[in-house]
Amino acid sequence: MITIRPATEADIPLVFAWRNKPEVYQGFYSQKSSLNYFEHLNWWYSRPHSWHMFIIMLDEKPIGLINIGQCEHWSPELGWMIGETEYWSKGYCQEALKLVFEWLKERGYKHCHTTIKWDNEASGHLAWKLGFVLQGEAREGESWLTKNLTTNYLI
C-alpha cells in the first residue's frame, strides 16, 4: 500500500543516495552529475518553509520523494522521484501523487503545476495519465504543465 509521510532530517542520507543515482538525476533539470553531501544539505535546507517534502512509502519502505513548492502561490509546483529504481513503472508514484492532490485540495488549492524535461518520458507519461495539460516551454528543453485539481483523474 502506498502512503506519504512528511520528510524529516532523518531522511537526508536516503534522499542524498537517491539524488546521486545517475538513472534518477538524469530526469532533473538542474542536476547534471552526482552531488557531494554539502551540496545536498544546501539543497535540503534551502527549501523555504512554505515548501513541503513527502516521502513515498510502499508499506513500510521509503521508495521516493515528492516536493511541493511555491505553496504561497495559487498553483503549487510539484516535483517527484522514485529513488528506488526497482519500483519504477509500477504505478507507485501515480498513487502517491493522487494522495498529494488530495492534500492540496484539503488546503484549498484548485490547481498545481510541474515542469518536466523533454527527454523524461516516464514523468511526461505519468503527468498525462494524471490529467496535467501542456502549457508550453518552461525553460529550454523543459515543458510546463498544469493540473486542475477539481477534475477527475484520467485513469
Foldseek 3Di string as FASTA:
>chain_A
DKDKDFDDPVCLVVVLLLCQDPVWVVWPDPDDHRDDSVVSVCVVVVADPLKTKIFIDDPNDGFWMWIWHPNVDLATEIDITGSNVVCPPVCSVLVHVVVVLVVVVVVPRQKYKYKTFPPPVSVVVSCVQQAWDWDAADDVRMTITMHGSVDHGND
